[in-house]
Amino acid sequence: MAAVTIRNLSEEAHRALKVRAAQHNRSAEAEMRAILEAAVRPEGRLRLGTALSEMSRRIGLTNADVEALEHGRDARSAEPMRLQ
């Protein structure tokens, strides 16, 4: 796992961080991790797999449909294009 050092953090910010950590019953380090995770991985972010799954359910796609598509697919390797 990566480690991060934060330099020149003001005393006010450090105290506020400790207070916030205490309110959430965690260490200052755990609180910083939670803050960073929330900032870079917000709850409302688009998750491609989830979006595709929901779209498939909405249009009524079933596992049988997916299997039929896979069965009908040409399994041979694609030939590269020849440009002349």
PDB file of N, CA and C in Angstrom:
ATOM      1  N   MET A   1       0.824  -1.179   0.000  1.00  0.00           N
ATOM      2  CA  MET A   1       0.000   0.000   0.000  1.00  0.00           C
ATOM      3  C   MET A   1       0.871   1.247   0.000  1.00  0.00           C
ATOM      4  N   ALA A   2       0.368   2.270  -0.607  1.00  0.00           N
ATOM      5  CA  ALA A   2       1.106   3.530  -0.704  1.00  0.00           C
ATOM      6  C   ALA A   2       1.047   4.297   0.612  1.00  0.00           C
ATOM      7  N   ALA A   3       2.047   5.106   0.845  1.00  0.00           N
ATOM      8  CA  ALA A   3       2.092   5.988   2.013  1.00  0.00           C
ATOM      9  C   ALA A   3       2.174   7.418   1.523  1.00  0.00           C
ATOM     10  N   VAL A   4       1.536   8.327   2.238  1.00  0.00           N
ATOM     11  CA  VAL A   4       1.517   9.733   1.861  1.00  0.00           C
ATOM     12  C   VAL A   4       1.933  10.566   3.063  1.00  0.00           C
ATOM     13  N   THR A   5       2.759  11.555   2.826  1.00  0.00           N
ATOM     14  CA  THR A   5       3.146  12.504   3.867  1.00  0.00           C
ATOM     15  C   THR A   5       2.565  13.853   3.504  1.00  0.00           C
ATOM     16  N   ILE A   6       1.917  14.480   4.460  1.00  0.00           N
ATOM     17  CA  ILE A   6       1.348  15.816   4.226  1.00  0.00           C
ATOM     18  C   ILE A   6       2.182  16.816   5.011  1.00  0.00           C
ATOM     19  N   ARG A   7       2.823  17.696   4.311  1.00  0.00           N
ATOM     20  CA  ARG A   7       3.672  18.709   4.940  1.00  0.00           C
ATOM     21  C   ARG A   7       2.924  20.041   5.032  1.00  0.00           C
ATOM     22  N   ASN A   8       3.352  20.839   5.971  1.00  0.00           N
ATOM     23  CA  ASN A   8       2.852  22.210   6.134  1.00  0.00           C
ATOM     24  C   ASN A   8       1.345  22.279   6.370  1.00  0.00           C
ATOM     25  N   LEU A   9       0.785  21.303   7.067  1.00  0.00           N
ATOM     26  CA  LEU A   9      -0.628  21.333   7.441  1.00  0.00           C
ATOM     27  C   LEU A   9      -0.757  22.298   8.615  1.00  0.00           C
ATOM     28  N   SER A  10      -1.676  23.225   8.527  1.00  0.00           N
ATOM     29  CA  SER A  10      -1.826  24.218   9.598  1.00  0.00           C
ATOM     30  C   SER A  10      -2.284  23.532  10.889  1.00  0.00           C
ATOM     31  N   GLU A  11      -1.951  24.165  11.999  1.00  0.00           N
ATOM     32  CA  GLU A  11      -2.369  23.634  13.306  1.00  0.00           C
ATOM     33  C   GLU A  11      -3.892  23.575  13.396  1.00  0.00           C
ATOM     34  N   GLU A  12      -4.559  24.579  12.830  1.00  0.00           N
ATOM     35  CA  GLU A  12      -6.034  24.608  12.845  1.00  0.00           C
ATOM     36  C   GLU A  12      -6.604  23.402  12.112  1.00  0.00           C
ATOM     37  N   ALA A  13      -6.056  23.116  10.932  1.00  0.00           N
ATOM     38  CA  ALA A  13      -6.536  21.973  10.158  1.00  0.00           C
ATOM     39  C   ALA A  13      -6.250  20.667  10.891  1.00  0.00           C
ATOM     40  N   HIS A  14      -5.093  20.572  11.513  1.00  0.00           N
ATOM     41  CA  HIS A  14      -4.723  19.362  12.252  1.00  0.00           C
ATOM     42  C   HIS A  14      -5.662  19.140  13.439  1.00  0.00           C
ATOM     43  N   ARG A  15      -5.967  20.222  14.189  1.00  0.00           N
ATOM     44  CA  ARG A  15      -6.905  20.112  15.314  1.00  0.00           C
ATOM     45  C   ARG A  15      -8.291  19.718  14.823  1.00  0.00           C
ATOM     46  N   ALA A  16      -8.743  20.360  13.740  1.00  0.00           N
ATOM     47  CA  ALA A  16     -10.066  20.052  13.193  1.00  0.00           C
ATOM     48  C   ALA A  16     -10.137  18.601  12.730  1.00  0.00           C
ATOM     49  N   LEU A  17      -9.052  18.108  12.164  1.00  0.00           N
ATOM     50  CA  LEU A  17      -8.990  16.715  11.725  1.00  0.00           C
ATOM     51  C   LEU A  17      -9.113  15.774  12.920  1.00  0.00           C
ATOM     52  N   LYS A  18      -8.418  16.087  13.998  1.00  0.00           N
ATOM     53  CA  LYS A  18      -8.490  15.251  15.198  1.00  0.00           C
ATOM     54  C   LYS A  18      -9.899  15.249  15.788  1.00  0.00           C
ATOM     55  N   VAL A  19     -10.541  16.414  15.795  1.00  0.00           N
ATOM     56  CA  VAL A  19     -11.914  16.511  16.307  1.00  0.00           C
ATOM     57  C   VAL A  19     -12.858  15.680  15.442  1.00  0.00           C
ATOM     58  N   ARG A  20     -12.721  15.830  14.139  1.00  0.00           N
ATOM     59  CA  ARG A  20     -13.575  15.070  13.218  1.00  0.00           C
ATOM     60  C   ARG A  20     -13.348  13.577  13.373  1.00  0.00           C
ATOM     61  N   ALA A  21     -12.103  13.169  13.528  1.00  0.00           N
ATOM     62  CA  ALA A  21     -11.784  11.754  13.721  1.00  0.00           C
ATOM     63  C   ALA A  21     -12.438  11.235  14.996  1.00  0.00           C
ATOM     64  N   ALA A  22     -12.360  12.015  16.067  1.00  0.00           N
ATOM     65  CA  ALA A  22     -12.969  11.608  17.336  1.00  0.00           C
ATOM     66  C   ALA A  22     -14.487  11.479  17.192  1.00  0.00           C
ATOM     67  N   GLN A  23     -15.106  12.370  16.427  1.00  0.00           N
ATOM     68  CA  GLN A  23     -16.554  12.301  16.203  1.00  0.00           C
ATOM     69  C   GLN A  23     -16.943  11.021  15.467  1.00  0.00           C
ATOM     70  N   HIS A  24     -16.056  10.521  14.626  1.00  0.00           N
ATOM     71  CA  HIS A  24     -16.323   9.295  13.866  1.00  0.00           C
ATOM     72  C   HIS A  24     -15.702   8.057  14.523  1.00  0.00           C
ATOM     73  N   ASN A  25     -15.188   8.220  15.732  1.00  0.00           N
ATOM     74  CA  ASN A  25     -14.574   7.115  16.486  1.00  0.00           C
ATOM     75  C   ASN A  25     -13.464   6.418  15.706  1.00  0.00           C
ATOM     76  N   ARG A  26     -12.579   7.204  15.119  1.00  0.00           N
ATOM     77  CA  ARG A  26     -11.428   6.628  14.428  1.00  0.00           C
ATOM     78  C   ARG A  26     -10.202   7.505  14.634  1.00  0.00           C
ATOM     79  N   SER A  27      -9.068   6.961  14.265  1.00  0.00           N
ATOM     80  CA  SER A  27      -7.816   7.704  14.401  1.00  0.00           C
ATOM     81  C   SER A  27      -7.758   8.811  13.348  1.00  0.00           C
ATOM     82  N   ALA A  28      -6.847   9.748  13.570  1.00  0.00           N
ATOM     83  CA  ALA A  28      -6.665  10.826  12.592  1.00  0.00           C
ATOM     84  C   ALA A  28      -6.237  10.242  11.248  1.00  0.00           C
ATOM     85  N   GLU A  29      -5.393   9.225  11.287  1.00  0.00           N
ATOM     86  CA  GLU A  29      -4.952   8.589  10.042  1.00  0.00           C
ATOM     87  C   GLU A  29      -6.121   7.924   9.315  1.00  0.00           C
ATOM     88  N   ALA A  30      -6.968   7.217  10.050  1.00  0.00           N
ATOM     89  CA  ALA A  30      -8.136   6.580   9.432  1.00  0.00           C
ATOM     90  C   ALA A  30      -9.097   7.636   8.878  1.00  0.00           C
ATOM     91  N   GLU A  31      -9.211   8.753   9.583  1.00  0.00           N
ATOM     92  CA  GLU A  31     -10.077   9.832   9.108  1.00  0.00           C
ATOM     93  C   GLU A  31      -9.550  10.423   7.809  1.00  0.00           C
ATOM     94  N   MET A  32      -8.220  10.613   7.723  1.00  0.00           N
ATOM     95  CA  MET A  32      -7.628  11.123   6.484  1.00  0.00           C
ATOM     96  C   MET A  32      -7.874  10.161   5.330  1.00  0.00           C
ATOM     97  N   ARG A  33      -7.749   8.863   5.594  1.00  0.00           N
ATOM     98  CA  ARG A  33      -8.020   7.871   4.535  1.00  0.00           C
ATOM     99  C   ARG A  33      -9.457   7.978   4.063  1.00  0.00           C
ATOM    100  N   ALA A  34     -10.392   8.099   5.002  1.00  0.00           N
ATOM    101  CA  ALA A  34     -11.807   8.203   4.639  1.00  0.00           C
ATOM    102  C   ALA A  34     -12.081   9.458   3.815  1.00  0.00           C
ATOM    103  N   ILE A  35     -11.471  10.571   4.220  1.00  0.00           N
ATOM    104  CA  ILE A  35     -11.655  11.835   3.484  1.00  0.00           C
ATOM    105  C   ILE A  35     -11.116  11.705   2.058  1.00  0.00           C
ATOM    106  N   LEU A  36      -9.921  11.140   1.921  1.00  0.00           N
ATOM    107  CA  LEU A  36      -9.328  10.988   0.590  1.00  0.00           C
ATOM    108  C   LEU A  36     -10.141  10.034  -0.277  1.00  0.00           C
ATOM    109  N   GLU A  37     -10.573   8.908   0.294  1.00  0.00           N
ATOM    110  CA  GLU A  37     -11.393   7.956  -0.474  1.00  0.00           C
ATOM    111  C   GLU A  37     -12.669   8.619  -0.974  1.00  0.00           C
ATOM    112  N   ALA A  38     -13.341   9.371  -0.106  1.00  0.00           N
ATOM    113  CA  ALA A  38     -14.587  10.042  -0.497  1.00  0.00           C
ATOM    114  C   ALA A  38     -14.343  11.084  -1.581  1.00  0.00           C
ATOM    115  N   ALA A  39     -13.181  11.736  -1.536  1.00  0.00           N
ATOM    116  CA  ALA A  39     -12.878  12.776  -2.522  1.00  0.00           C
ATOM    117  C   ALA A  39     -12.588  12.199  -3.897  1.00  0.00           C
ATOM    118  N   VAL A  40     -11.885  11.086  -3.945  1.00  0.00           N
ATOM    119  CA  VAL A  40     -11.481  10.563  -5.254  1.00  0.00           C
ATOM    120  C   VAL A  40     -12.395   9.456  -5.764  1.00  0.00           C
ATOM    121  N   ARG A  41     -13.237   8.895  -4.903  1.00  0.00           N
ATOM    122  CA  ARG A  41     -14.167   7.854  -5.320  1.00  0.00           C
ATOM    123  C   ARG A  41     -15.553   8.171  -4.776  1.00  0.00           C
ATOM    124  N   PRO A  42     -16.201   9.216  -5.303  1.00  0.00           N
ATOM    125  CA  PRO A  42     -17.502   9.635  -4.773  1.00  0.00           C
ATOM    126  C   PRO A  42     -18.581   8.574  -4.989  1.00  0.00           C
ATOM    127  N   GLU A  43     -19.578   8.595  -4.117  1.00  0.00           N
ATOM    128  CA  GLU A  43     -20.686   7.637  -4.163  1.00  0.00           C
ATOM    129  C   GLU A  43     -21.405   7.622  -5.508  1.00  0.00           C
ATOM    130  N   GLY A  44     -21.620   8.796  -6.096  1.00  0.00           N
ATOM    131  CA  GLY A  44     -22.412   8.894  -7.315  1.00  0.00           C
ATOM    132  C   GLY A  44     -21.649   8.657  -8.607  1.00  0.00           C
ATOM    133  N   ARG A  45     -20.438   8.111  -8.519  1.00  0.00           N
ATOM    134  CA  ARG A  45     -19.654   7.931  -9.740  1.00  0.00           C
ATOM    135  C   ARG A  45     -20.279   6.852 -10.627  1.00  0.00           C
ATOM    136  N   LEU A  46     -20.057   6.965 -11.908  1.00  0.00           N
ATOM    137  CA  LEU A  46     -20.570   5.991 -12.865  1.00  0.00           C
ATOM    138  C   LEU A  46     -19.734   4.720 -12.773  1.00  0.00           C
ATOM    139  N   ARG A  47     -20.398   3.611 -12.536  1.00  0.00           N
ATOM    140  CA  ARG A  47     -19.736   2.315 -12.504  1.00  0.00           C
ATOM    141  C   ARG A  47     -20.208   1.570 -13.753  1.00  0.00           C
ATOM    142  N   LEU A  48     -19.304   1.368 -14.691  1.00  0.00           N
ATOM    143  CA  LEU A  48     -19.650   0.841 -16.003  1.00  0.00           C
ATOM    144  C   LEU A  48     -20.354  -0.510 -15.922  1.00  0.00           C
ATOM    145  N   GLY A  49     -19.823  -1.434 -15.134  1.00  0.00           N
ATOM    146  CA  GLY A  49     -20.434  -2.762 -15.016  1.00  0.00           C
ATOM    147  C   GLY A  49     -21.855  -2.683 -14.499  1.00  0.00           C
ATOM    148  N   THR A  50     -22.074  -1.857 -13.487  1.00  0.00           N
ATOM    149  CA  THR A  50     -23.413  -1.693 -12.921  1.00  0.00           C
ATOM    150  C   THR A  50     -24.349  -1.078 -13.954  1.00  0.00           C
ATOM    151  N   ALA A  51     -23.872  -0.068 -14.681  1.00  0.00           N
ATOM    152  CA  ALA A  51     -24.701   0.592 -15.694  1.00  0.00           C
ATOM    153  C   ALA A  51     -25.099  -0.390 -16.794  1.00  0.00           C
ATOM    154  N   LEU A  52     -24.159  -1.209 -17.254  1.00  0.00           N
ATOM    155  CA  LEU A  52     -24.475  -2.188 -18.298  1.00  0.00           C
ATOM    156  C   LEU A  52     -25.456  -3.239 -17.794  1.00  0.00           C
ATOM    157  N   SER A  53     -25.279  -3.679 -16.565  1.00  0.00           N
ATOM    158  CA  SER A  53     -26.175  -4.665 -15.981  1.00  0.00           C
ATOM    159  C   SER A  53     -27.597  -4.121 -15.880  1.00  0.00           C
ATOM    160  N   GLU A  54     -27.726  -2.889 -15.402  1.00  0.00           N
ATOM    161  CA  GLU A  54     -29.046  -2.271 -15.287  1.00  0.00           C
ATOM    162  C   GLU A  54     -29.697  -2.090 -16.656  1.00  0.00           C
ATOM    163  N   MET A  55     -28.909  -1.682 -17.654  1.00  0.00           N
ATOM    164  CA  MET A  55     -29.436  -1.507 -19.000  1.00  0.00           C
ATOM    165  C   MET A  55     -29.923  -2.848 -19.560  1.00  0.00           C
ATOM    166  N   SER A  56     -29.156  -3.905 -19.324  1.00  0.00           N
ATOM    167  CA  SER A  56     -29.535  -5.239 -19.799  1.00  0.00           C
ATOM    168  C   SER A  56     -30.846  -5.686 -19.179  1.00  0.00           C
ATOM    169  N   ARG A  57     -30.990  -5.448 -17.867  1.00  0.00           N
ATOM    170  CA  ARG A  57     -32.238  -5.820 -17.193  1.00  0.00           C
ATOM    171  C   ARG A  57     -33.410  -5.020 -17.736  1.00  0.00           C
ATOM    172  N   ARG A  58     -33.188  -3.729 -17.996  1.00  0.00           N
ATOM    173  CA  ARG A  58     -34.255  -2.862 -18.497  1.00  0.00           C
ATOM    174  C   ARG A  58     -34.778  -3.334 -19.845  1.00  0.00           C
ATOM    175  N   ILE A  59     -33.880  -3.801 -20.721  1.00  0.00           N
ATOM    176  CA  ILE A  59     -34.331  -4.238 -22.052  1.00  0.00           C
ATOM    177  C   ILE A  59     -34.716  -5.715 -22.078  1.00  0.00           C
ATOM    178  N   GLY A  60     -34.543  -6.396 -20.923  1.00  0.00           N
ATOM    179  CA  GLY A  60     -34.986  -7.779 -20.829  1.00  0.00           C
ATOM    180  C   GLY A  60     -33.976  -8.805 -21.309  1.00  0.00           C
ATOM    181  N   LEU A  61     -32.710  -8.461 -21.371  1.00  0.00           N
ATOM    182  CA  LEU A  61     -31.670  -9.397 -21.798  1.00  0.00           C
ATOM    183  C   LEU A  61     -31.481 -10.470 -20.730  1.00  0.00           C
ATOM    184  N   THR A  62     -31.441 -11.720 -21.142  1.00  0.00           N
ATOM    185  CA  THR A  62     -31.281 -12.824 -20.199  1.00  0.00           C
ATOM    186  C   THR A  62     -29.942 -13.515 -20.436  1.00  0.00           C
ATOM    187  N   ASN A  63     -29.584 -14.417 -19.519  1.00  0.00           N
ATOM    188  CA  ASN A  63     -28.359 -15.203 -19.682  1.00  0.00           C
ATOM    189  C   ASN A  63     -28.439 -16.048 -20.947  1.00  0.00           C
ATOM    190  N   ALA A  64     -29.627 -16.547 -21.271  1.00  0.00           N
ATOM    191  CA  ALA A  64     -29.807 -17.338 -22.488  1.00  0.00           C
ATOM    192  C   ALA A  64     -29.490 -16.500 -23.729  1.00  0.00           C
ATOM    193  N   ASP A  65     -29.882 -15.237 -23.719  1.00  0.00           N
ATOM    194  CA  ASP A  65     -29.578 -14.347 -24.841  1.00  0.00           C
ATOM    195  C   ASP A  65     -28.072 -14.173 -25.001  1.00  0.00           C
ATOM    196  N   VAL A  66     -27.376 -13.977 -23.885  1.00  0.00           N
ATOM    197  CA  VAL A  66     -25.926 -13.794 -23.930  1.00  0.00           C
ATOM    198  C   VAL A  66     -25.251 -15.064 -24.430  1.00  0.00           C
ATOM    199  N   GLU A  67     -25.715 -16.225 -23.942  1.00  0.00           N
ATOM    200  CA  GLU A  67     -25.148 -17.501 -24.402  1.00  0.00           C
ATOM    201  C   GLU A  67     -25.371 -17.693 -25.898  1.00  0.00           C
ATOM    202  N   ALA A  68     -26.543 -17.304 -26.400  1.00  0.00           N
ATOM    203  CA  ALA A  68     -26.824 -17.428 -27.825  1.00  0.00           C
ATOM    204  C   ALA A  68     -25.890 -16.528 -28.639  1.00  0.00           C
ATOM    205  N   LEU A  69     -25.630 -15.330 -28.143  1.00  0.00           N
ATOM    206  CA  LEU A  69     -24.709 -14.432 -28.835  1.00  0.00           C
ATOM    207  C   LEU A  69     -23.296 -15.010 -28.854  1.00  0.00           C
ATOM    208  N   GLU A  70     -22.860 -15.576 -27.728  1.00  0.00           N
ATOM    209  CA  GLU A  70     -21.523 -16.168 -27.662  1.00  0.00           C
ATOM    210  C   GLU A  70     -21.425 -17.396 -28.556  1.00  0.00           C
ATOM    211  N   HIS A  71     -22.490 -18.177 -28.623  1.00  0.00           N
ATOM    212  CA  HIS A  71     -22.491 -19.390 -29.439  1.00  0.00           C
ATOM    213  C   HIS A  71     -22.416 -19.057 -30.922  1.00  0.00           C
ATOM    214  N   GLY A  72     -23.076 -17.988 -31.325  1.00  0.00           N
ATOM    215  CA  GLY A  72     -23.101 -17.609 -32.731  1.00  0.00           C
ATOM    216  C   GLY A  72     -21.891 -16.826 -33.182  1.00  0.00           C
ATOM    217  N   ARG A  73     -21.028 -16.483 -32.263  1.00  0.00           N
ATOM    218  CA  ARG A  73     -19.842 -15.678 -32.581  1.00  0.00           C
ATOM    219  C   ARG A  73     -18.807 -16.528 -33.299  1.00  0.00           C
ATOM    220  N   ASP A  74     -18.136 -15.943 -34.259  1.00  0.00           N
ATOM    221  CA  ASP A  74     -17.063 -16.624 -34.990  1.00  0.00           C
ATOM    222  C   ASP A  74     -15.841 -16.701 -34.076  1.00  0.00           C
ATOM    223  N   ALA A  75     -15.406 -17.900 -33.735  1.00  0.00           N
ATOM    224  CA  ALA A  75     -14.318 -18.087 -32.778  1.00  0.00           C
ATOM    225  C   ALA A  75     -12.940 -17.987 -33.425  1.00  0.00           C
ATOM    226  N   ARG A  76     -12.897 -17.896 -34.749  1.00  0.00           N
ATOM    227  CA  ARG A  76     -11.593 -17.800 -35.415  1.00  0.00           C
ATOM    228  C   ARG A  76     -10.926 -16.464 -35.127  1.00  0.00           C
ATOM    229  N   SER A  77      -9.622 -16.451 -35.152  1.00  0.00           N
ATOM    230  CA  SER A  77      -8.876 -15.207 -34.968  1.00  0.00           C
ATOM    231  C   SER A  77      -9.130 -14.301 -36.168  1.00  0.00           C
ATOM    232  N   ALA A  78      -9.180 -13.024 -35.900  1.00  0.00           N
ATOM    233  CA  ALA A  78      -9.388 -12.060 -36.972  1.00  0.00           C
ATOM    234  C   ALA A  78      -8.148 -11.947 -37.833  1.00  0.00           C
ATOM    235  N   GLU A  79      -8.340 -11.787 -39.125  1.00  0.00           N
ATOM    236  CA  GLU A  79      -7.222 -11.584 -40.047  1.00  0.00           C
ATOM    237  C   GLU A  79      -6.886 -10.098 -40.071  1.00  0.00           C
ATOM    238  N   PRO A  80      -5.614  -9.753 -40.014  1.00  0.00           N
ATOM    239  CA  PRO A  80      -5.260  -8.329 -40.067  1.00  0.00           C
ATOM    240  C   PRO A  80      -5.598  -7.742 -41.435  1.00  0.00           C
ATOM    241  N   MET A  81      -5.919  -6.458 -41.441  1.00  0.00           N
ATOM    242  CA  MET A  81      -6.214  -5.786 -42.709  1.00  0.00           C
ATOM    243  C   MET A  81      -4.937  -5.601 -43.500  1.00  0.00           C
ATOM    244  N   ARG A  82      -5.068  -5.707 -44.801  1.00  0.00           N
ATOM    245  CA  ARG A  82      -3.915  -5.467 -45.687  1.00  0.00           C
ATOM    246  C   ARG A  82      -4.174  -4.191 -46.460  1.00  0.00           C
ATOM    247  N   LEU A  83      -3.356  -3.211 -46.194  1.00  0.00           N
ATOM    248  CA  LEU A  83      -3.482  -1.931 -46.885  1.00  0.00           C
ATOM    249  C   LEU A  83      -2.456  -1.854 -47.991  1.00  0.00           C
ATOM    250  N   GLN A  84      -2.911  -1.642 -49.217  1.00  0.00           N
ATOM    251  CA  GLN A  84      -1.972  -1.579 -50.358  1.00  0.00           C
ATOM    252  C   GLN A  84      -2.204  -0.334 -51.155  1.00  0.00           C
TER     253      GLN A  84
END
